[in-house]
Amino acid sequence: MNPINSINLTSGLGALTPPLRALGPPGEQDTTEGTFADVLSGLIKDVNGLQATAGELRNQLLAGEAGDLHQYMIAAEKAGIAMELLVEVRNKIVEAYQQLMRMPV
């Protein structure tokens, strides 16, 4: 099985956008999604997995094993884009924290 085909980039990144559900009283809403820390932790693990997969493909390619340059480039781009997204999420979190700290009490 090709390792690239098993990567689903949206599985972890899709957790950032909550699913659409019917609006109702707050007591009736589903709260089983997990905390923000859980979502962020899952996102970090997904990005790490993408980078590890790209690293393995790079090592296979450099060793001359059955590596395909196109598959490596796709994996490397997925890992790079996921890392850029993670950095932007971190920047937004830091910016929100700084805004909260500047608020007068």
C-alpha atoms as a PDB file:
ATOM      1  CA  MET A   1       0.000   0.000   0.000  1.00  0.00           C
ATOM      2  CA  ASN A   2       1.289   3.401  -0.910  1.00  0.00           C
ATOM      3  CA  PRO A   3       1.742   5.547   2.246  1.00  0.00           C
ATOM      4  CA  ILE A   4       0.520   8.676   0.463  1.00  0.00           C
ATOM      5  CA  ASN A   5      -2.888   7.175  -0.256  1.00  0.00           C
ATOM      6  CA  SER A   6      -3.470   6.562   3.446  1.00  0.00           C
ATOM      7  CA  ILE A   7      -2.959  10.222   4.386  1.00  0.00           C
ATOM      8  CA  ASN A   8      -6.127  12.182   4.923  1.00  0.00           C
ATOM      9  CA  LEU A   9      -5.132  15.782   5.477  1.00  0.00           C
ATOM     10  CA  THR A  10      -8.644  16.925   6.295  1.00  0.00           C
ATOM     11  CA  SER A  11      -9.160  14.424   9.112  1.00  0.00           C
ATOM     12  CA  GLY A  12      -7.265  16.519  11.645  1.00  0.00           C
ATOM     13  CA  LEU A  13      -7.669  19.887  10.029  1.00  0.00           C
ATOM     14  CA  GLY A  14     -11.417  19.477   9.687  1.00  0.00           C
ATOM     15  CA  ALA A  15     -11.632  19.412  13.477  1.00  0.00           C
ATOM     16  CA  LEU A  16     -11.007  23.151  13.477  1.00  0.00           C
ATOM     17  CA  THR A  17     -14.364  23.839  11.893  1.00  0.00           C
ATOM     18  CA  PRO A  18     -17.232  22.520  13.999  1.00  0.00           C
ATOM     19  CA  PRO A  19     -19.959  20.568  12.226  1.00  0.00           C
ATOM     20  CA  LEU A  20     -23.183  22.333  11.407  1.00  0.00           C
ATOM     21  CA  ARG A  21     -26.044  21.376  13.697  1.00  0.00           C
ATOM     22  CA  ALA A  22     -29.485  22.656  14.464  1.00  0.00           C
ATOM     23  CA  LEU A  23     -29.640  25.582  16.822  1.00  0.00           C
ATOM     24  CA  GLY A  24     -31.451  24.891  20.028  1.00  0.00           C
ATOM     25  CA  PRO A  25     -31.273  25.576  23.730  1.00  0.00           C
ATOM     26  CA  PRO A  26     -27.738  25.338  25.130  1.00  0.00           C
ATOM     27  CA  GLY A  27     -28.587  22.269  27.197  1.00  0.00           C
ATOM     28  CA  GLU A  28     -29.506  20.258  24.114  1.00  0.00           C
ATOM     29  CA  GLN A  29     -26.307  20.844  22.131  1.00  0.00           C
ATOM     30  CA  ASP A  30     -23.813  18.014  21.737  1.00  0.00           C
ATOM     31  CA  THR A  31     -20.670  18.662  23.786  1.00  0.00           C
ATOM     32  CA  THR A  32     -18.763  15.473  22.932  1.00  0.00           C
ATOM     33  CA  GLU A  33     -16.365  17.153  20.484  1.00  0.00           C
ATOM     34  CA  GLY A  34     -13.620  17.620  23.063  1.00  0.00           C
ATOM     35  CA  THR A  35     -11.827  20.633  24.375  1.00  0.00           C
ATOM     36  CA  PHE A  36      -9.840  23.133  22.369  1.00  0.00           C
ATOM     37  CA  ALA A  37      -6.656  21.628  23.791  1.00  0.00           C
ATOM     38  CA  ASP A  38      -7.696  18.201  22.473  1.00  0.00           C
ATOM     39  CA  VAL A  39      -8.382  19.606  19.013  1.00  0.00           C
ATOM     40  CA  LEU A  40      -5.071  21.478  18.963  1.00  0.00           C
ATOM     41  CA  SER A  41      -3.206  18.420  20.220  1.00  0.00           C
ATOM     42  CA  GLY A  42      -4.790  16.297  17.490  1.00  0.00           C
ATOM     43  CA  LEU A  43      -3.832  18.862  14.881  1.00  0.00           C
ATOM     44  CA  ILE A  44      -0.211  18.846  16.061  1.00  0.00           C
ATOM     45  CA  LYS A  45      -0.128  15.033  15.935  1.00  0.00           C
ATOM     46  CA  ASP A  46      -1.565  15.055  12.406  1.00  0.00           C
ATOM     47  CA  VAL A  47       1.052  17.544  11.202  1.00  0.00           C
ATOM     48  CA  ASN A  48       3.774  15.478  12.846  1.00  0.00           C
ATOM     49  CA  GLY A  49       2.471  12.374  11.088  1.00  0.00           C
ATOM     50  CA  LEU A  50       2.496  14.133   7.726  1.00  0.00           C
ATOM     51  CA  GLN A  51       6.067  15.270   8.280  1.00  0.00           C
ATOM     52  CA  ALA A  52       7.140  11.782   9.355  1.00  0.00           C
ATOM     53  CA  THR A  53       5.572  10.270   6.238  1.00  0.00           C
ATOM     54  CA  ALA A  54       7.332  12.803   4.021  1.00  0.00           C
ATOM     55  CA  GLY A  55      10.608  12.055   5.817  1.00  0.00           C
ATOM     56  CA  GLU A  56      10.210   8.317   5.296  1.00  0.00           C
ATOM     57  CA  LEU A  57       9.502   8.805   1.595  1.00  0.00           C
ATOM     58  CA  ARG A  58      12.521  11.110   1.301  1.00  0.00           C
ATOM     59  CA  ASN A  59      14.755   8.498   2.935  1.00  0.00           C
ATOM     60  CA  GLN A  60      13.407   5.794   0.612  1.00  0.00           C
ATOM     61  CA  LEU A  61      14.014   8.025  -2.381  1.00  0.00           C
ATOM     62  CA  LEU A  62      17.573   8.868  -1.295  1.00  0.00           C
ATOM     63  CA  ALA A  63      18.355   5.212  -0.589  1.00  0.00           C
ATOM     64  CA  GLY A  64      17.242   4.273  -4.096  1.00  0.00           C
ATOM     65  CA  GLU A  65      14.466   2.040  -2.854  1.00  0.00           C
ATOM     66  CA  ALA A  66      11.082   1.874  -4.563  1.00  0.00           C
ATOM     67  CA  GLY A  67      10.427   5.554  -4.049  1.00  0.00           C
ATOM     68  CA  ASP A  68       8.583   7.767  -6.484  1.00  0.00           C
ATOM     69  CA  LEU A  69       9.656  11.391  -6.747  1.00  0.00           C
ATOM     70  CA  HIS A  70       6.088  12.525  -7.415  1.00  0.00           C
ATOM     71  CA  GLN A  71       4.765  10.802  -4.303  1.00  0.00           C
ATOM     72  CA  TYR A  72       7.504  12.375  -2.204  1.00  0.00           C
ATOM     73  CA  MET A  73       6.798  15.839  -3.589  1.00  0.00           C
ATOM     74  CA  ILE A  74       3.083  15.466  -2.851  1.00  0.00           C
ATOM     75  CA  ALA A  75       3.805  14.305   0.708  1.00  0.00           C
ATOM     76  CA  ALA A  76       6.301  17.124   1.248  1.00  0.00           C
ATOM     77  CA  GLU A  77       3.820  19.739   0.017  1.00  0.00           C
ATOM     78  CA  LYS A  78       1.045  18.343   2.237  1.00  0.00           C
ATOM     79  CA  ALA A  79       3.378  18.459   5.227  1.00  0.00           C
ATOM     80  CA  GLY A  80       4.485  21.995   4.367  1.00  0.00           C
ATOM     81  CA  ILE A  81       0.956  23.311   3.943  1.00  0.00           C
ATOM     82  CA  ALA A  82      -0.164  21.645   7.169  1.00  0.00           C
ATOM     83  CA  MET A  83       2.783  23.222   9.010  1.00  0.00           C
ATOM     84  CA  GLU A  84       1.943  26.653   7.602  1.00  0.00           C
ATOM     85  CA  LEU A  85      -1.641  26.235   8.787  1.00  0.00           C
ATOM     86  CA  LEU A  86      -0.470  25.174  12.240  1.00  0.00           C
ATOM     87  CA  VAL A  87       1.825  28.201  12.492  1.00  0.00           C
ATOM     88  CA  GLU A  88      -1.021  30.529  11.466  1.00  0.00           C
ATOM     89  CA  VAL A  89      -3.321  28.956  14.064  1.00  0.00           C
ATOM     90  CA  ARG A  90      -0.621  29.464  16.674  1.00  0.00           C
ATOM     91  CA  ASN A  91      -0.186  33.090  15.592  1.00  0.00           C
ATOM     92  CA  LYS A  92      -3.935  33.717  15.918  1.00  0.00           C
ATOM     93  CA  ILE A  93      -3.969  32.136  19.377  1.00  0.00           C
ATOM     94  CA  VAL A  94      -1.047  34.309  20.510  1.00  0.00           C
ATOM     95  CA  GLU A  95      -2.704  37.391  19.028  1.00  0.00           C
ATOM     96  CA  ALA A  96      -5.982  36.631  20.835  1.00  0.00           C
ATOM     97  CA  TYR A  97      -4.100  36.094  24.103  1.00  0.00           C
ATOM     98  CA  GLN A  98      -2.278  39.404  23.706  1.00  0.00           C
ATOM     99  CA  GLN A  99      -5.567  41.194  23.056  1.00  0.00           C
ATOM    100  CA  LEU A 100      -7.026  39.680  26.209  1.00  0.00           C
ATOM    101  CA  MET A 101      -4.019  40.789  28.217  1.00  0.00           C
ATOM    102  CA  ARG A 102      -4.388  44.374  26.936  1.00  0.00           C
ATOM    103  CA  MET A 103      -8.019  44.599  28.032  1.00  0.00           C
ATOM    104  CA  PRO A 104      -8.551  46.788  31.067  1.00  0.00           C
ATOM    105  CA  VAL A 105      -9.900  45.048  34.121  1.00  0.00           C
END
